[in-house]
C-alpha atoms as a PDB file:
ATOM      1  CA  UNK A   1       0.000   0.000   0.000  1.00  0.00           C
ATOM      2  CA  UNK A   2       1.252   3.468  -0.802  1.00  0.00           C
ATOM      3  CA  UNK A   3       0.394   6.716   0.946  1.00  0.00           C
ATOM      4  CA  UNK A   4       0.549  10.356  -0.001  1.00  0.00           C
ATOM      5  CA  UNK A   5       0.588  13.263   2.438  1.00  0.00           C
ATOM      6  CA  UNK A   6       0.262  16.946   1.661  1.00  0.00           C
ATOM      7  CA  UNK A   7       1.746  19.554   3.969  1.00  0.00           C
ATOM      8  CA  UNK A   8       2.466  23.284   3.906  1.00  0.00           C
ATOM      9  CA  UNK A   9       5.513  24.925   5.413  1.00  0.00           C
ATOM     10  CA  UNK A  10       4.239  28.441   6.117  1.00  0.00           C
ATOM     11  CA  UNK A  11       1.004  29.820   7.528  1.00  0.00           C
ATOM     12  CA  UNK A  12       1.384  32.926   5.352  1.00  0.00           C
ATOM     13  CA  UNK A  13      -0.718  32.063   2.300  1.00  0.00           C
ATOM     14  CA  UNK A  14       1.544  34.119   0.028  1.00  0.00           C
ATOM     15  CA  UNK A  15       4.533  31.937   0.906  1.00  0.00           C
ATOM     16  CA  UNK A  16       2.914  28.536   1.232  1.00  0.00           C
ATOM     17  CA  UNK A  17       5.027  25.701  -0.157  1.00  0.00           C
ATOM     18  CA  UNK A  18       3.199  22.495  -0.916  1.00  0.00           C
ATOM     19  CA  UNK A  19       5.149  19.380   0.018  1.00  0.00           C
ATOM     20  CA  UNK A  20       3.957  15.951  -1.045  1.00  0.00           C
ATOM     21  CA  UNK A  21       5.454  13.021   0.868  1.00  0.00           C
ATOM     22  CA  UNK A  22       4.990   9.669  -0.824  1.00  0.00           C
ATOM     23  CA  UNK A  23       5.759   6.151   0.284  1.00  0.00           C
ATOM     24  CA  UNK A  24       5.796   3.262  -2.173  1.00  0.00           C
ATOM     25  CA  UNK A  25       6.206  -0.509  -1.787  1.00  0.00           C
ATOM     26  CA  UNK A  26       8.875  -2.485  -3.556  1.00  0.00           C
ATOM     27  CA  UNK A  27      12.615  -2.966  -3.776  1.00  0.00           C
ATOM     28  CA  UNK A  28      14.833   0.078  -4.268  1.00  0.00           C
ATOM     29  CA  UNK A  29      16.611  -2.014  -6.919  1.00  0.00           C
ATOM     30  CA  UNK A  30      13.504  -1.528  -9.062  1.00  0.00           C
ATOM     31  CA  UNK A  31      11.484   1.500 -10.152  1.00  0.00           C
ATOM     32  CA  UNK A  32       9.407   3.073  -7.369  1.00  0.00           C
ATOM     33  CA  UNK A  33       8.220   6.450  -8.695  1.00  0.00           C
ATOM     34  CA  UNK A  34       7.184   8.009 -12.029  1.00  0.00           C
ATOM     35  CA  UNK A  35       9.765   9.807 -14.170  1.00  0.00           C
ATOM     36  CA  UNK A  36      10.949  13.251 -13.057  1.00  0.00           C
ATOM     37  CA  UNK A  37       8.629  13.490 -10.059  1.00  0.00           C
ATOM     38  CA  UNK A  38      11.002  13.747  -7.091  1.00  0.00           C
ATOM     39  CA  UNK A  39      12.739  16.853  -5.824  1.00  0.00           C
ATOM     40  CA  UNK A  40      14.371  15.113  -2.864  1.00  0.00           C
ATOM     41  CA  UNK A  41      15.086  11.489  -1.989  1.00  0.00           C
ATOM     42  CA  UNK A  42      16.608  10.092   1.201  1.00  0.00           C
ATOM     43  CA  UNK A  43      17.844   6.613   2.066  1.00  0.00           C
ATOM     44  CA  UNK A  44      19.486   5.469   5.275  1.00  0.00           C
ATOM     45  CA  UNK A  45      20.851   2.097   6.401  1.00  0.00           C
ATOM     46  CA  UNK A  46      19.645   0.360   3.255  1.00  0.00           C
ATOM     47  CA  UNK A  47      21.959   0.421   0.262  1.00  0.00           C
ATOM     48  CA  UNK A  48      24.625  -1.766   1.864  1.00  0.00           C
ATOM     49  CA  UNK A  49      22.033  -4.562   1.539  1.00  0.00           C
ATOM     50  CA  UNK A  50      22.645  -6.328  -1.747  1.00  0.00           C
ATOM     51  CA  UNK A  51      19.887  -7.449  -4.088  1.00  0.00           C
ATOM     52  CA  UNK A  52      21.088 -11.043  -3.702  1.00  0.00           C
ATOM     53  CA  UNK A  53      23.873 -13.187  -2.328  1.00  0.00           C
ATOM     54  CA  UNK A  54      26.752 -12.946  -4.831  1.00  0.00           C
ATOM     55  CA  UNK A  55      26.613 -15.805  -7.304  1.00  0.00           C
ATOM     56  CA  UNK A  56      29.236 -18.526  -7.350  1.00  0.00           C
ATOM     57  CA  UNK A  57      30.169 -18.444  -3.665  1.00  0.00           C
ATOM     58  CA  UNK A  58      29.153 -22.024  -2.998  1.00  0.00           C
ATOM     59  CA  UNK A  59      30.908 -23.130   0.172  1.00  0.00           C
ATOM     60  CA  UNK A  60      34.080 -21.121  -0.469  1.00  0.00           C
ATOM     61  CA  UNK A  61      33.496 -18.831   2.521  1.00  0.00           C
ATOM     62  CA  UNK A  62      33.194 -21.852   4.839  1.00  0.00           C
ATOM     63  CA  UNK A  63      32.216 -20.898   8.410  1.00  0.00           C
ATOM     64  CA  UNK A  64      32.215 -17.185   7.592  1.00  0.00           C
ATOM     65  CA  UNK A  65      28.775 -15.781   6.861  1.00  0.00           C
ATOM     66  CA  UNK A  66      30.088 -12.404   5.749  1.00  0.00           C
ATOM     67  CA  UNK A  67      33.402 -10.892   4.677  1.00  0.00           C
ATOM     68  CA  UNK A  68      36.131 -11.303   7.282  1.00  0.00           C
ATOM     69  CA  UNK A  69      39.914 -11.222   7.254  1.00  0.00           C
ATOM     70  CA  UNK A  70      39.906 -14.992   6.617  1.00  0.00           C
ATOM     71  CA  UNK A  71      37.583 -14.906   3.593  1.00  0.00           C
ATOM     72  CA  UNK A  72      39.304 -15.985   0.341  1.00  0.00           C
ATOM     73  CA  UNK A  73      40.007 -13.363  -2.380  1.00  0.00           C
ATOM     74  CA  UNK A  74      37.309 -14.672  -4.726  1.00  0.00           C
ATOM     75  CA  UNK A  75      34.677 -14.031  -2.054  1.00  0.00           C
ATOM     76  CA  UNK A  76      35.772 -10.397  -1.642  1.00  0.00           C
ATOM     77  CA  UNK A  77      35.696  -9.973  -5.425  1.00  0.00           C
ATOM     78  CA  UNK A  78      32.219 -11.485  -5.729  1.00  0.00           C
ATOM     79  CA  UNK A  79      30.794  -9.209  -3.024  1.00  0.00           C
ATOM     80  CA  UNK A  80      32.480  -6.129  -4.492  1.00  0.00           C
ATOM     81  CA  UNK A  81      31.159  -6.841  -7.990  1.00  0.00           C
ATOM     82  CA  UNK A  82      27.645  -7.419  -6.671  1.00  0.00           C
ATOM     83  CA  UNK A  83      27.712  -4.083  -4.834  1.00  0.00           C
ATOM     84  CA  UNK A  84      28.993  -2.311  -7.945  1.00  0.00           C
ATOM     85  CA  UNK A  85      26.135  -3.737 -10.030  1.00  0.00           C
ATOM     86  CA  UNK A  86      23.500  -3.011  -7.406  1.00  0.00           C
ATOM     87  CA  UNK A  87      24.615   0.512  -6.547  1.00  0.00           C
ATOM     88  CA  UNK A  88      24.889   1.420 -10.224  1.00  0.00           C
ATOM     89  CA  UNK A  89      21.351   0.105 -10.765  1.00  0.00           C
ATOM     90  CA  UNK A  90      20.111   2.079  -7.768  1.00  0.00           C
ATOM     91  CA  UNK A  91      21.638   5.324  -9.067  1.00  0.00           C
ATOM     92  CA  UNK A  92      20.311   4.765 -12.585  1.00  0.00           C
ATOM     93  CA  UNK A  93      16.756   4.149 -11.396  1.00  0.00           C
ATOM     94  CA  UNK A  94      16.724   7.095  -9.003  1.00  0.00           C
ATOM     95  CA  UNK A  95      18.088   9.300 -11.790  1.00  0.00           C
ATOM     96  CA  UNK A  96      14.984   8.487 -13.830  1.00  0.00           C
ATOM     97  CA  UNK A  97      12.722   9.478 -10.941  1.00  0.00           C
ATOM     98  CA  UNK A  98      14.487  12.627  -9.659  1.00  0.00           C
ATOM     99  CA  UNK A  99      14.121  15.881 -11.570  1.00  0.00           C
ATOM    100  CA  UNK A 100      17.168  17.749 -12.847  1.00  0.00           C
ATOM    101  CA  UNK A 101      18.632  19.738  -9.968  1.00  0.00           C
ATOM    102  CA  UNK A 102      16.889  17.521  -7.415  1.00  0.00           C
ATOM    103  CA  UNK A 103      18.836  16.173  -4.472  1.00  0.00           C
ATOM    104  CA  UNK A 104      19.408  12.778  -2.912  1.00  0.00           C
ATOM    105  CA  UNK A 105      21.003  12.046   0.466  1.00  0.00           C
ATOM    106  CA  UNK A 106      22.292   8.564   1.260  1.00  0.00           C
ATOM    107  CA  UNK A 107      23.644   7.017   4.451  1.00  0.00           C
ATOM    108  CA  UNK A 108      25.020   3.489   4.455  1.00  0.00           C
ATOM    109  CA  UNK A 109      27.402   1.193   6.245  1.00  0.00           C
ATOM    110  CA  UNK A 110      30.979   1.354   4.921  1.00  0.00           C
ATOM    111  CA  UNK A 111      34.370   0.018   5.926  1.00  0.00           C
ATOM    112  CA  UNK A 112      37.066   2.273   7.334  1.00  0.00           C
ATOM    113  CA  UNK A 113      39.978   0.897   5.301  1.00  0.00           C
ATOM    114  CA  UNK A 114      40.490   0.297   1.599  1.00  0.00           C
ATOM    115  CA  UNK A 115      41.868  -3.237   2.055  1.00  0.00           C
ATOM    116  CA  UNK A 116      38.965  -5.447   3.195  1.00  0.00           C
ATOM    117  CA  UNK A 117      41.347  -8.170   4.394  1.00  0.00           C
ATOM    118  CA  UNK A 118      43.090  -5.941   6.932  1.00  0.00           C
ATOM    119  CA  UNK A 119      40.338  -5.392   9.484  1.00  0.00           C
ATOM    120  CA  UNK A 120      37.216  -7.070  10.829  1.00  0.00           C
ATOM    121  CA  UNK A 121      34.733  -4.262  10.227  1.00  0.00           C
ATOM    122  CA  UNK A 122      31.428  -5.478  11.636  1.00  0.00           C
ATOM    123  CA  UNK A 123      32.008  -7.525  14.780  1.00  0.00           C
ATOM    124  CA  UNK A 124      28.332  -8.354  15.452  1.00  0.00           C
ATOM    125  CA  UNK A 125      28.141 -10.445  12.272  1.00  0.00           C
ATOM    126  CA  UNK A 126      31.489 -12.090  13.019  1.00  0.00           C
ATOM    127  CA  UNK A 127      30.164 -13.080  16.438  1.00  0.00           C
ATOM    128  CA  UNK A 128      27.090 -14.587  14.797  1.00  0.00           C
ATOM    129  CA  UNK A 129      29.441 -16.662  12.620  1.00  0.00           C
ATOM    130  CA  UNK A 130      31.250 -17.823  15.762  1.00  0.00           C
ATOM    131  CA  UNK A 131      27.951 -18.683  17.438  1.00  0.00           C
ATOM    132  CA  UNK A 132      26.901 -20.868  14.508  1.00  0.00           C
ATOM    133  CA  UNK A 133      30.355 -22.495  14.400  1.00  0.00           C
ATOM    134  CA  UNK A 134      30.029 -23.375  18.099  1.00  0.00           C
ATOM    135  CA  UNK A 135      26.660 -24.960  17.386  1.00  0.00           C
ATOM    136  CA  UNK A 136      28.208 -27.002  14.575  1.00  0.00           C
ATOM    137  CA  UNK A 137      30.830 -28.300  17.033  1.00  0.00           C
ATOM    138  CA  UNK A 138      28.022 -29.277  19.421  1.00  0.00           C
ATOM    139  CA  UNK A 139      26.106 -31.058  16.681  1.00  0.00           C
ATOM    140  CA  UNK A 140      23.230 -28.570  16.754  1.00  0.00           C
ATOM    141  CA  UNK A 141      23.800 -27.255  13.213  1.00  0.00           C
ATOM    142  CA  UNK A 142      24.984 -29.105  10.116  1.00  0.00           C
ATOM    143  CA  UNK A 143      28.426 -28.034   8.947  1.00  0.00           C
ATOM    144  CA  UNK A 144      27.496 -28.081   5.261  1.00  0.00           C
ATOM    145  CA  UNK A 145      24.548 -25.768   5.985  1.00  0.00           C
ATOM    146  CA  UNK A 146      26.814 -23.261   7.697  1.00  0.00           C
ATOM    147  CA  UNK A 147      29.399 -23.379   4.900  1.00  0.00           C
ATOM    148  CA  UNK A 148      26.750 -22.464   2.324  1.00  0.00           C
ATOM    149  CA  UNK A 149      25.205 -19.613   4.346  1.00  0.00           C
ATOM    150  CA  UNK A 150      26.146 -16.015   3.508  1.00  0.00           C
ATOM    151  CA  UNK A 151      24.511 -12.696   4.371  1.00  0.00           C
ATOM    152  CA  UNK A 152      23.915 -10.337   1.396  1.00  0.00           C
ATOM    153  CA  UNK A 153      25.430  -7.210   2.900  1.00  0.00           C
ATOM    154  CA  UNK A 154      28.500  -5.289   1.754  1.00  0.00           C
ATOM    155  CA  UNK A 155      30.434  -2.425   3.299  1.00  0.00           C
ATOM    156  CA  UNK A 156      32.083  -0.526   0.431  1.00  0.00           C
ATOM    157  CA  UNK A 157      35.110   1.717   0.741  1.00  0.00           C
ATOM    158  CA  UNK A 158      34.813   5.447   0.136  1.00  0.00           C
ATOM    159  CA  UNK A 159      36.613   4.996  -3.189  1.00  0.00           C
ATOM    160  CA  UNK A 160      34.169   2.309  -4.339  1.00  0.00           C
ATOM    161  CA  UNK A 161      31.267   4.655  -3.599  1.00  0.00           C
ATOM    162  CA  UNK A 162      32.877   7.579  -5.443  1.00  0.00           C
ATOM    163  CA  UNK A 163      33.856   5.436  -8.435  1.00  0.00           C
ATOM    164  CA  UNK A 164      30.334   4.062  -8.840  1.00  0.00           C
ATOM    165  CA  UNK A 165      28.785   7.549  -8.684  1.00  0.00           C
ATOM    166  CA  UNK A 166      31.240   8.914 -11.244  1.00  0.00           C
ATOM    167  CA  UNK A 167      30.914   5.910 -13.567  1.00  0.00           C
ATOM    168  CA  UNK A 168      27.101   5.936 -13.565  1.00  0.00           C
ATOM    169  CA  UNK A 169      27.226   9.647 -14.309  1.00  0.00           C
ATOM    170  CA  UNK A 170      23.738  10.904 -13.448  1.00  0.00           C
ATOM    171  CA  UNK A 171      24.629  12.714 -10.218  1.00  0.00           C
ATOM    172  CA  UNK A 172      27.125  15.271  -8.981  1.00  0.00           C
ATOM    173  CA  UNK A 173      28.743  14.333  -5.681  1.00  0.00           C
ATOM    174  CA  UNK A 174      28.353  17.526  -3.645  1.00  0.00           C
ATOM    175  CA  UNK A 175      29.516  16.418  -0.235  1.00  0.00           C
ATOM    176  CA  UNK A 176      30.424  13.354   1.779  1.00  0.00           C
ATOM    177  CA  UNK A 177      30.993  13.224   5.518  1.00  0.00           C
ATOM    178  CA  UNK A 178      31.700  10.146   7.629  1.00  0.00           C
ATOM    179  CA  UNK A 179      30.276   9.534  11.101  1.00  0.00           C
ATOM    180  CA  UNK A 180      31.096   6.829  13.649  1.00  0.00           C
ATOM    181  CA  UNK A 181      27.752   5.405  14.745  1.00  0.00           C
ATOM    182  CA  UNK A 182      27.228   3.264  17.838  1.00  0.00           C
ATOM    183  CA  UNK A 183      24.986   0.243  17.445  1.00  0.00           C
ATOM    184  CA  UNK A 184      23.681   1.067  20.913  1.00  0.00           C
ATOM    185  CA  UNK A 185      22.928   4.773  21.261  1.00  0.00           C
ATOM    186  CA  UNK A 186      23.629   4.485  25.005  1.00  0.00           C
ATOM    187  CA  UNK A 187      27.335   3.922  24.358  1.00  0.00           C
ATOM    188  CA  UNK A 188      29.588   6.734  25.575  1.00  0.00           C
ATOM    189  CA  UNK A 189      32.763   6.893  23.482  1.00  0.00           C
ATOM    190  CA  UNK A 190      34.135   9.702  25.633  1.00  0.00           C
ATOM    191  CA  UNK A 191      34.153   7.509  28.717  1.00  0.00           C
ATOM    192  CA  UNK A 192      35.184   3.928  28.047  1.00  0.00           C
ATOM    193  CA  UNK A 193      35.142   3.118  31.793  1.00  0.00           C
ATOM    194  CA  UNK A 194      31.446   3.941  31.745  1.00  0.00           C
ATOM    195  CA  UNK A 195      30.983   1.874  28.629  1.00  0.00           C
ATOM    196  CA  UNK A 196      32.483  -1.225  30.268  1.00  0.00           C
ATOM    197  CA  UNK A 197      30.127  -1.364  33.232  1.00  0.00           C
ATOM    198  CA  UNK A 198      26.728  -2.647  34.261  1.00  0.00           C
ATOM    199  CA  UNK A 199      25.410  -1.292  30.970  1.00  0.00           C
ATOM    200  CA  UNK A 200      27.190  -4.105  29.134  1.00  0.00           C
ATOM    201  CA  UNK A 201      24.312  -6.528  29.476  1.00  0.00           C
ATOM    202  CA  UNK A 202      21.788  -3.951  28.313  1.00  0.00           C
ATOM    203  CA  UNK A 203      23.936  -3.102  25.293  1.00  0.00           C
ATOM    204  CA  UNK A 204      24.629  -6.721  24.380  1.00  0.00           C
ATOM    205  CA  UNK A 205      20.917  -7.602  24.536  1.00  0.00           C
ATOM    206  CA  UNK A 206      20.056  -4.521  22.493  1.00  0.00           C
ATOM    207  CA  UNK A 207      22.539  -5.420  19.758  1.00  0.00           C
ATOM    208  CA  UNK A 208      21.526  -9.096  19.869  1.00  0.00           C
ATOM    209  CA  UNK A 209      17.904  -8.093  19.263  1.00  0.00           C
ATOM    210  CA  UNK A 210      19.001  -5.692  16.521  1.00  0.00           C
ATOM    211  CA  UNK A 211      20.900  -8.455  14.699  1.00  0.00           C
ATOM    212  CA  UNK A 212      18.097 -10.967  15.280  1.00  0.00           C
ATOM    213  CA  UNK A 213      15.616  -8.624  13.601  1.00  0.00           C
ATOM    214  CA  UNK A 214      17.352  -8.942  10.223  1.00  0.00           C
ATOM    215  CA  UNK A 215      19.119 -12.296  10.609  1.00  0.00           C
ATOM    216  CA  UNK A 216      16.318 -14.537  11.894  1.00  0.00           C
ATOM    217  CA  UNK A 217      14.324 -14.683   8.622  1.00  0.00           C
ATOM    218  CA  UNK A 218      17.492 -15.587   6.710  1.00  0.00           C
ATOM    219  CA  UNK A 219      18.517 -18.220   9.262  1.00  0.00           C
ATOM    220  CA  UNK A 220      15.078 -19.852   9.187  1.00  0.00           C
ATOM    221  CA  UNK A 221      14.940 -19.778   5.379  1.00  0.00           C
ATOM    222  CA  UNK A 222      18.389 -21.376   5.032  1.00  0.00           C
ATOM    223  CA  UNK A 223      18.587 -23.807   7.977  1.00  0.00           C
ATOM    224  CA  UNK A 224      14.877 -24.608   8.262  1.00  0.00           C
ATOM    225  CA  UNK A 225      13.612 -26.521  11.266  1.00  0.00           C
ATOM    226  CA  UNK A 226      17.091 -27.871  12.016  1.00  0.00           C
ATOM    227  CA  UNK A 227      18.019 -24.681  13.864  1.00  0.00           C
ATOM    228  CA  UNK A 228      16.664 -23.360  17.164  1.00  0.00           C
ATOM    229  CA  UNK A 229      16.750 -19.606  16.711  1.00  0.00           C
ATOM    230  CA  UNK A 230      16.092 -18.895  20.399  1.00  0.00           C
ATOM    231  CA  UNK A 231      19.172 -20.913  21.362  1.00  0.00           C
ATOM    232  CA  UNK A 232      21.251 -19.185  18.665  1.00  0.00           C
ATOM    233  CA  UNK A 233      20.526 -15.741  20.029  1.00  0.00           C
ATOM    234  CA  UNK A 234      20.811 -16.738  23.683  1.00  0.00           C
ATOM    235  CA  UNK A 235      24.376 -17.868  22.968  1.00  0.00           C
ATOM    236  CA  UNK A 236      24.942 -14.859  20.719  1.00  0.00           C
ATOM    237  CA  UNK A 237      23.863 -12.409  23.443  1.00  0.00           C
ATOM    238  CA  UNK A 238      26.435 -13.927  25.802  1.00  0.00           C
ATOM    239  CA  UNK A 239      29.149 -13.488  23.169  1.00  0.00           C
ATOM    240  CA  UNK A 240      28.071  -9.886  22.696  1.00  0.00           C
ATOM    241  CA  UNK A 241      28.257  -9.358  26.454  1.00  0.00           C
ATOM    242  CA  UNK A 242      31.864 -10.626  26.441  1.00  0.00           C
ATOM    243  CA  UNK A 243      32.626  -8.343  23.508  1.00  0.00           C
ATOM    244  CA  UNK A 244      31.156  -5.296  25.256  1.00  0.00           C
ATOM    245  CA  UNK A 245      33.298  -6.017  28.317  1.00  0.00           C
ATOM    246  CA  UNK A 246      36.305  -5.148  26.142  1.00  0.00           C
ATOM    247  CA  UNK A 247      35.023  -2.656  23.604  1.00  0.00           C
ATOM    248  CA  UNK A 248      31.877  -1.165  22.130  1.00  0.00           C
ATOM    249  CA  UNK A 249      30.412  -1.902  18.733  1.00  0.00           C
ATOM    250  CA  UNK A 250      30.181   0.806  16.129  1.00  0.00           C
ATOM    251  CA  UNK A 251      30.329   1.264  12.387  1.00  0.00           C
ATOM    252  CA  UNK A 252      31.281   3.977   9.936  1.00  0.00           C
ATOM    253  CA  UNK A 253      28.475   5.694   8.046  1.00  0.00           C
ATOM    254  CA  UNK A 254      29.153   8.049   5.139  1.00  0.00           C
ATOM    255  CA  UNK A 255      26.434  10.641   4.596  1.00  0.00           C
ATOM    256  CA  UNK A 256      26.427  11.474   0.883  1.00  0.00           C
ATOM    257  CA  UNK A 257      24.765  14.481  -0.747  1.00  0.00           C
ATOM    258  CA  UNK A 258      24.085  14.182  -4.479  1.00  0.00           C
ATOM    259  CA  UNK A 259      22.493  16.481  -7.049  1.00  0.00           C
ATOM    260  CA  UNK A 260      20.771  15.149 -10.146  1.00  0.00           C
ATOM    261  CA  UNK A 261      22.511  16.513 -13.211  1.00  0.00           C
ATOM    262  CA  UNK A 262      20.434  18.524 -15.665  1.00  0.00           C
ATOM    263  CA  UNK A 263      20.496  17.896 -19.403  1.00  0.00           C
ATOM    264  CA  UNK A 264      23.057  20.694 -19.832  1.00  0.00           C
ATOM    265  CA  UNK A 265      25.524  19.259 -17.243  1.00  0.00           C
END
């Protein structure tokens, strides 16, 4: 179901500006709006989700369910290529919908280093991999099921984002700023002693529930009735608690401002 709202920004009738806010169903990797109808588009915490798991992975990523420092080169390449295709598609489709001179602001998860093999960027997913590996060792999950399970999410580098925008060619990159975002908004990065305290359990449960919200449907679809999701996330929450006793969990988010090129650009 789609909805349309009409608002005005000024009570002075001479300066009223009509603003139509529209929500539409469907994937952002497909068309959502009519041609040249949008003046402003905004997307947050979405575009790092790929349209599909990269093809050809098979069981090459083994117990990893995402990109880690131990993932083989072909897995990194497959994820990178899938992001390039998807992000280019996203830009192309939004360019058809946004009017010349219109703006788009994007915020997505990205990695902090260019070399994806040098740093484990998203610890919560790594801990979920470890949880599933522990369950394999205990005979609660089949090893072959784990080795064929991958999450369709990719954290691009700043250069990958810039290259895709420039190559697609429909938008000018006006500005990009990067923020460090805590998974738990209660984390205090200015006081680590406070962070490692009685709040650990609250934070670990919060993040465990956050990860469960997006991971549970994928786990059930892939592992079926052979997996007890409640047990998975009970164990996972304990791992998160141990992690929070040492450090917090955060991720880098670039906020990107784009302008749709006009025909004369």
